[in-house]
Amino acid sequence: MIRRKAYGLIKKSFDANGIKFAFPTVMVAGGGDTAAAVAQKALELVKPLPADQSDSAA
């Protein structure tokens, strides 16, 4: 209970002084034909084996 109150006071103080808390983010960048080529290659690598080959692979 005390910790929650202290964190609340700290947050209010930070807000009053323009200090922002960091939060996790993810940024994905890319473009052009290379991204599409890489994605296509990845899909080719994860294709399931044909039924006749999957029995011998196990």
PDB file of N, CA and C in Angstrom:
ATOM      1  N   MET A   1       0.819  -1.186   0.000  1.00  0.00           N
ATOM      2  CA  MET A   1       0.000   0.000   0.000  1.00  0.00           C
ATOM      3  C   MET A   1       0.876   1.268   0.000  1.00  0.00           C
ATOM      4  N   ILE A   2       1.919   1.250   0.819  1.00  0.00           N
ATOM      5  CA  ILE A   2       2.812   2.412   0.896  1.00  0.00           C
ATOM      6  C   ILE A   2       3.561   2.585  -0.416  1.00  0.00           C
ATOM      7  N   ARG A   3       4.006   1.453  -0.999  1.00  0.00           N
ATOM      8  CA  ARG A   3       4.741   1.519  -2.268  1.00  0.00           C
ATOM      9  C   ARG A   3       3.872   2.121  -3.365  1.00  0.00           C
ATOM     10  N   ARG A   4       2.616   1.698  -3.433  1.00  0.00           N
ATOM     11  CA  ARG A   4       1.708   2.222  -4.458  1.00  0.00           C
ATOM     12  C   ARG A   4       1.540   3.728  -4.301  1.00  0.00           C
ATOM     13  N   LYS A   5       1.379   4.189  -3.055  1.00  0.00           N
ATOM     14  CA  LYS A   5       1.224   5.621  -2.784  1.00  0.00           C
ATOM     15  C   LYS A   5       2.495   6.386  -3.185  1.00  0.00           C
ATOM     16  N   ALA A   6       3.663   5.825  -2.832  1.00  0.00           N
ATOM     17  CA  ALA A   6       4.933   6.479  -3.183  1.00  0.00           C
ATOM     18  C   ALA A   6       5.089   6.567  -4.699  1.00  0.00           C
ATOM     19  N   TYR A   7       4.798   5.469  -5.413  1.00  0.00           N
ATOM     20  CA  TYR A   7       4.901   5.491  -6.873  1.00  0.00           C
ATOM     21  C   TYR A   7       3.939   6.510  -7.469  1.00  0.00           C
ATOM     22  N   GLY A   8       2.753   6.627  -6.902  1.00  0.00           N
ATOM     23  CA  GLY A   8       1.793   7.618  -7.375  1.00  0.00           C
ATOM     24  C   GLY A   8       2.316   9.037  -7.208  1.00  0.00           C
ATOM     25  N   LEU A   9       2.920   9.323  -6.054  1.00  0.00           N
ATOM     26  CA  LEU A   9       3.487  10.652  -5.811  1.00  0.00           C
ATOM     27  C   LEU A   9       4.661  10.943  -6.749  1.00  0.00           C
ATOM     28  N   ILE A  10       5.498   9.934  -6.962  1.00  0.00           N
ATOM     29  CA  ILE A  10       6.627  10.097  -7.896  1.00  0.00           C
ATOM     30  C   ILE A  10       6.114  10.382  -9.297  1.00  0.00           C
ATOM     31  N   LYS A  11       5.105   9.649  -9.724  1.00  0.00           N
ATOM     32  CA  LYS A  11       4.534   9.839 -11.066  1.00  0.00           C
ATOM     33  C   LYS A  11       3.971  11.247 -11.205  1.00  0.00           C
ATOM     34  N   LYS A  12       3.241  11.708 -10.203  1.00  0.00           N
ATOM     35  CA  LYS A  12       2.682  13.064 -10.255  1.00  0.00           C
ATOM     36  C   LYS A  12       3.795  14.112 -10.333  1.00  0.00           C
ATOM     37  N   SER A  13       4.850  13.908  -9.568  1.00  0.00           N
ATOM     38  CA  SER A  13       5.984  14.836  -9.576  1.00  0.00           C
ATOM     39  C   SER A  13       6.669  14.847 -10.943  1.00  0.00           C
ATOM     40  N   PHE A  14       6.869  13.661 -11.509  1.00  0.00           N
ATOM     41  CA  PHE A  14       7.472  13.574 -12.836  1.00  0.00           C
ATOM     42  C   PHE A  14       6.601  14.295 -13.863  1.00  0.00           C
ATOM     43  N   ASP A  15       5.290  14.028 -13.833  1.00  0.00           N
ATOM     44  CA  ASP A  15       4.375  14.673 -14.783  1.00  0.00           C
ATOM     45  C   ASP A  15       4.434  16.194 -14.651  1.00  0.00           C
ATOM     46  N   ALA A  16       4.492  16.676 -13.417  1.00  0.00           N
ATOM     47  CA  ALA A  16       4.521  18.125 -13.182  1.00  0.00           C
ATOM     48  C   ALA A  16       5.797  18.762 -13.732  1.00  0.00           C
ATOM     49  N   ASN A  17       6.867  17.980 -13.809  1.00  0.00           N
ATOM     50  CA  ASN A  17       8.152  18.500 -14.293  1.00  0.00           C
ATOM     51  C   ASN A  17       8.468  18.084 -15.728  1.00  0.00           C
ATOM     52  N   GLY A  18       7.492  17.514 -16.414  1.00  0.00           N
ATOM     53  CA  GLY A  18       7.667  17.154 -17.824  1.00  0.00           C
ATOM     54  C   GLY A  18       8.559  15.949 -18.069  1.00  0.00           C
ATOM     55  N   ILE A  19       8.730  15.103 -17.054  1.00  0.00           N
ATOM     56  CA  ILE A  19       9.563  13.903 -17.197  1.00  0.00           C
ATOM     57  C   ILE A  19       8.661  12.745 -17.594  1.00  0.00           C
ATOM     58  N   LYS A  20       8.997  12.093 -18.680  1.00  0.00           N
ATOM     59  CA  LYS A  20       8.181  10.985 -19.190  1.00  0.00           C
ATOM     60  C   LYS A  20       8.834   9.649 -18.864  1.00  0.00           C
ATOM     61  N   PHE A  21       8.015   8.660 -18.558  1.00  0.00           N
ATOM     62  CA  PHE A  21       8.504   7.302 -18.337  1.00  0.00           C
ATOM     63  C   PHE A  21       8.742   6.638 -19.689  1.00  0.00           C
ATOM     64  N   ALA A  22       9.777   5.845 -19.762  1.00  0.00           N
ATOM     65  CA  ALA A  22      10.045   5.086 -20.984  1.00  0.00           C
ATOM     66  C   ALA A  22       9.134   3.862 -21.017  1.00  0.00           C
ATOM     67  N   PHE A  23       8.782   3.424 -22.192  1.00  0.00           N
ATOM     68  CA  PHE A  23       8.017   2.198 -22.344  1.00  0.00           C
ATOM     69  C   PHE A  23       8.547   1.450 -23.551  1.00  0.00           C
ATOM     70  N   PRO A  24       8.466   0.117 -23.516  1.00  0.00           N
ATOM     71  CA  PRO A  24       9.050  -0.675 -24.607  1.00  0.00           C
ATOM     72  C   PRO A  24       8.311  -0.460 -25.928  1.00  0.00           C
ATOM     73  N   THR A  25       9.094  -0.362 -26.995  1.00  0.00           N
ATOM     74  CA  THR A  25       8.533  -0.236 -28.333  1.00  0.00           C
ATOM     75  C   THR A  25       9.303  -1.136 -29.291  1.00  0.00           C
ATOM     76  N   VAL A  26       8.674  -1.434 -30.399  1.00  0.00           N
ATOM     77  CA  VAL A  26       9.313  -2.215 -31.450  1.00  0.00           C
ATOM     78  C   VAL A  26       9.162  -1.436 -32.741  1.00  0.00           C
ATOM     79  N   MET A  27      10.266  -1.249 -33.452  1.00  0.00           N
ATOM     80  CA  MET A  27      10.220  -0.545 -34.722  1.00  0.00           C
ATOM     81  C   MET A  27      10.735  -1.488 -35.809  1.00  0.00           C
ATOM     82  N   VAL A  28       9.935  -1.671 -36.835  1.00  0.00           N
ATOM     83  CA  VAL A  28      10.326  -2.521 -37.945  1.00  0.00           C
ATOM     84  C   VAL A  28      10.523  -1.625 -39.150  1.00  0.00           C
ATOM     85  N   ALA A  29      11.696  -1.720 -39.755  1.00  0.00           N
ATOM     86  CA  ALA A  29      11.996  -0.886 -40.910  1.00  0.00           C
ATOM     87  C   ALA A  29      12.457  -1.781 -42.053  1.00  0.00           C
ATOM     88  N   GLY A  30      12.272  -1.328 -43.205  1.00  0.00           N
ATOM     89  CA  GLY A  30      12.697  -2.078 -44.379  1.00  0.00           C
ATOM     90  C   GLY A  30      11.944  -1.555 -45.581  1.00  0.00           C
ATOM     91  N   GLY A  31      12.190  -2.155 -46.659  1.00  0.00           N
ATOM     92  CA  GLY A  31      11.477  -1.732 -47.848  1.00  0.00           C
ATOM     93  C   GLY A  31      12.189  -2.195 -49.087  1.00  0.00           C
ATOM     94  N   GLY A  32      11.612  -1.872 -50.157  1.00  0.00           N
ATOM     95  CA  GLY A  32      12.202  -2.251 -51.429  1.00  0.00           C
ATOM     96  C   GLY A  32      11.978  -3.723 -51.738  1.00  0.00           C
ATOM     97  N   ASP A  33      12.585  -4.174 -52.818  1.00  0.00           N
ATOM     98  CA  ASP A  33      12.408  -5.548 -53.268  1.00  0.00           C
ATOM     99  C   ASP A  33      13.173  -6.550 -52.409  1.00  0.00           C
ATOM    100  N   THR A  34      14.216  -6.112 -51.718  1.00  0.00           N
ATOM    101  CA  THR A  34      15.000  -7.049 -50.912  1.00  0.00           C
ATOM    102  C   THR A  34      14.177  -7.614 -49.764  1.00  0.00           C
ATOM    103  N   ALA A  35      13.317  -6.808 -49.158  1.00  0.00           N
ATOM    104  CA  ALA A  35      12.487  -7.298 -48.064  1.00  0.00           C
ATOM    105  C   ALA A  35      11.534  -8.384 -48.563  1.00  0.00           C
ATOM    106  N   ALA A  36      10.949  -8.180 -49.727  1.00  0.00           N
ATOM    107  CA  ALA A  36      10.044  -9.170 -50.297  1.00  0.00           C
ATOM    108  C   ALA A  36      10.796 -10.447 -50.658  1.00  0.00           C
ATOM    109  N   ALA A  37      11.998 -10.309 -51.176  1.00  0.00           N
ATOM    110  CA  ALA A  37      12.799 -11.489 -51.543  1.00  0.00           C
ATOM    111  C   ALA A  37      13.192 -12.283 -50.309  1.00  0.00           C
ATOM    112  N   VAL A  38      13.560 -11.601 -49.252  1.00  0.00           N
ATOM    113  CA  VAL A  38      13.922 -12.291 -48.014  1.00  0.00           C
ATOM    114  C   VAL A  38      12.711 -12.998 -47.428  1.00  0.00           C
ATOM    115  N   ALA A  39      11.563 -12.353 -47.441  1.00  0.00           N
ATOM    116  CA  ALA A  39      10.347 -12.973 -46.919  1.00  0.00           C
ATOM    117  C   ALA A  39       9.977 -14.206 -47.734  1.00  0.00           C
ATOM    118  N   GLN A  40      10.103 -14.132 -49.044  1.00  0.00           N
ATOM    119  CA  GLN A  40       9.789 -15.272 -49.899  1.00  0.00           C
ATOM    120  C   GLN A  40      10.728 -16.436 -49.610  1.00  0.00           C
ATOM    121  N   LYS A  41      12.009 -16.168 -49.454  1.00  0.00           N
ATOM    122  CA  LYS A  41      12.995 -17.205 -49.152  1.00  0.00           C
ATOM    123  C   LYS A  41      12.684 -17.857 -47.805  1.00  0.00           C
ATOM    124  N   ALA A  42      12.286 -17.059 -46.830  1.00  0.00           N
ATOM    125  CA  ALA A  42      11.929 -17.602 -45.518  1.00  0.00           C
ATOM    126  C   ALA A  42      10.731 -18.535 -45.630  1.00  0.00           C
ATOM    127  N   LEU A  43       9.757 -18.170 -46.440  1.00  0.00           N
ATOM    128  CA  LEU A  43       8.594 -19.037 -46.631  1.00  0.00           C
ATOM    129  C   LEU A  43       8.985 -20.349 -47.301  1.00  0.00           C
ATOM    130  N   GLU A  44       9.909 -20.284 -48.228  1.00  0.00           N
ATOM    131  CA  GLU A  44      10.366 -21.506 -48.891  1.00  0.00           C
ATOM    132  C   GLU A  44      11.071 -22.434 -47.909  1.00  0.00           C
ATOM    133  N   LEU A  45      11.785 -21.867 -46.959  1.00  0.00           N
ATOM    134  CA  LEU A  45      12.525 -22.674 -45.988  1.00  0.00           C
ATOM    135  C   LEU A  45      11.617 -23.383 -44.994  1.00  0.00           C
ATOM    136  N   VAL A  46      10.441 -22.854 -44.734  1.00  0.00           N
ATOM    137  CA  VAL A  46       9.557 -23.465 -43.745  1.00  0.00           C
ATOM    138  C   VAL A  46       8.413 -24.271 -44.350  1.00  0.00           C
ATOM    139  N   LYS A  47       8.445 -24.508 -45.664  1.00  0.00           N
ATOM    140  CA  LYS A  47       7.406 -25.316 -46.293  1.00  0.00           C
ATOM    141  C   LYS A  47       7.466 -26.734 -45.741  1.00  0.00           C
ATOM    142  N   PRO A  48       6.312 -27.343 -45.475  1.00  0.00           N
ATOM    143  CA  PRO A  48       6.321 -28.728 -44.983  1.00  0.00           C
ATOM    144  C   PRO A  48       6.813 -29.699 -46.059  1.00  0.00           C
ATOM    145  N   LEU A  49       7.388 -30.797 -45.616  1.00  0.00           N
ATOM    146  CA  LEU A  49       7.841 -31.829 -46.540  1.00  0.00           C
ATOM    147  C   LEU A  49       6.647 -32.511 -47.189  1.00  0.00           C
ATOM    148  N   PRO A  50       6.794 -32.998 -48.427  1.00  0.00           N
ATOM    149  CA  PRO A  50       5.726 -33.792 -49.039  1.00  0.00           C
ATOM    150  C   PRO A  50       5.442 -35.033 -48.184  1.00  0.00           C
ATOM    151  N   ALA A  51       4.253 -35.584 -48.310  1.00  0.00           N
ATOM    152  CA  ALA A  51       3.825 -36.710 -47.472  1.00  0.00           C
ATOM    153  C   ALA A  51       4.775 -37.895 -47.558  1.00  0.00           C
ATOM    154  N   ASP A  52       5.324 -38.213 -48.751  1.00  0.00           N
ATOM    155  CA  ASP A  52       6.201 -39.369 -48.879  1.00  0.00           C
ATOM    156  C   ASP A  52       7.566 -39.145 -48.209  1.00  0.00           C
ATOM    157  N   GLN A  53       8.007 -37.905 -48.083  1.00  0.00           N
ATOM    158  CA  GLN A  53       9.294 -37.616 -47.454  1.00  0.00           C
ATOM    159  C   GLN A  53       9.159 -37.414 -45.942  1.00  0.00           C
ATOM    160  N   SER A  54       7.970 -37.014 -45.465  1.00  0.00           N
ATOM    161  CA  SER A  54       7.805 -36.746 -44.043  1.00  0.00           C
ATOM    162  C   SER A  54       7.875 -38.037 -43.218  1.00  0.00           C
ATOM    163  N   ASP A  55       7.485 -39.180 -43.793  1.00  0.00           N
ATOM    164  CA  ASP A  55       7.566 -40.446 -43.076  1.00  0.00           C
ATOM    165  C   ASP A  55       9.007 -40.865 -42.839  1.00  0.00           C
ATOM    166  N   SER A  56       9.888 -40.649 -43.832  1.00  0.00           N
ATOM    167  CA  SER A  56      11.279 -41.063 -43.704  1.00  0.00           C
ATOM    168  C   SER A  56      12.076 -40.088 -42.861  1.00  0.00           C
ATOM    169  N   ALA A  57      11.609 -38.849 -42.732  1.00  0.00           N
ATOM    170  CA  ALA A  57      12.337 -37.845 -41.942  1.00  0.00           C
ATOM    171  C   ALA A  57      12.134 -38.042 -40.446  1.00  0.00           C
ATOM    172  N   ALA A  58      11.061 -38.668 -40.049  1.00  0.00           N
ATOM    173  CA  ALA A  58      10.760 -38.833 -38.614  1.00  0.00           C
ATOM    174  C   ALA A  58      11.513 -39.972 -37.980  1.00  0.00           C
TER     175      ALA A  58
END
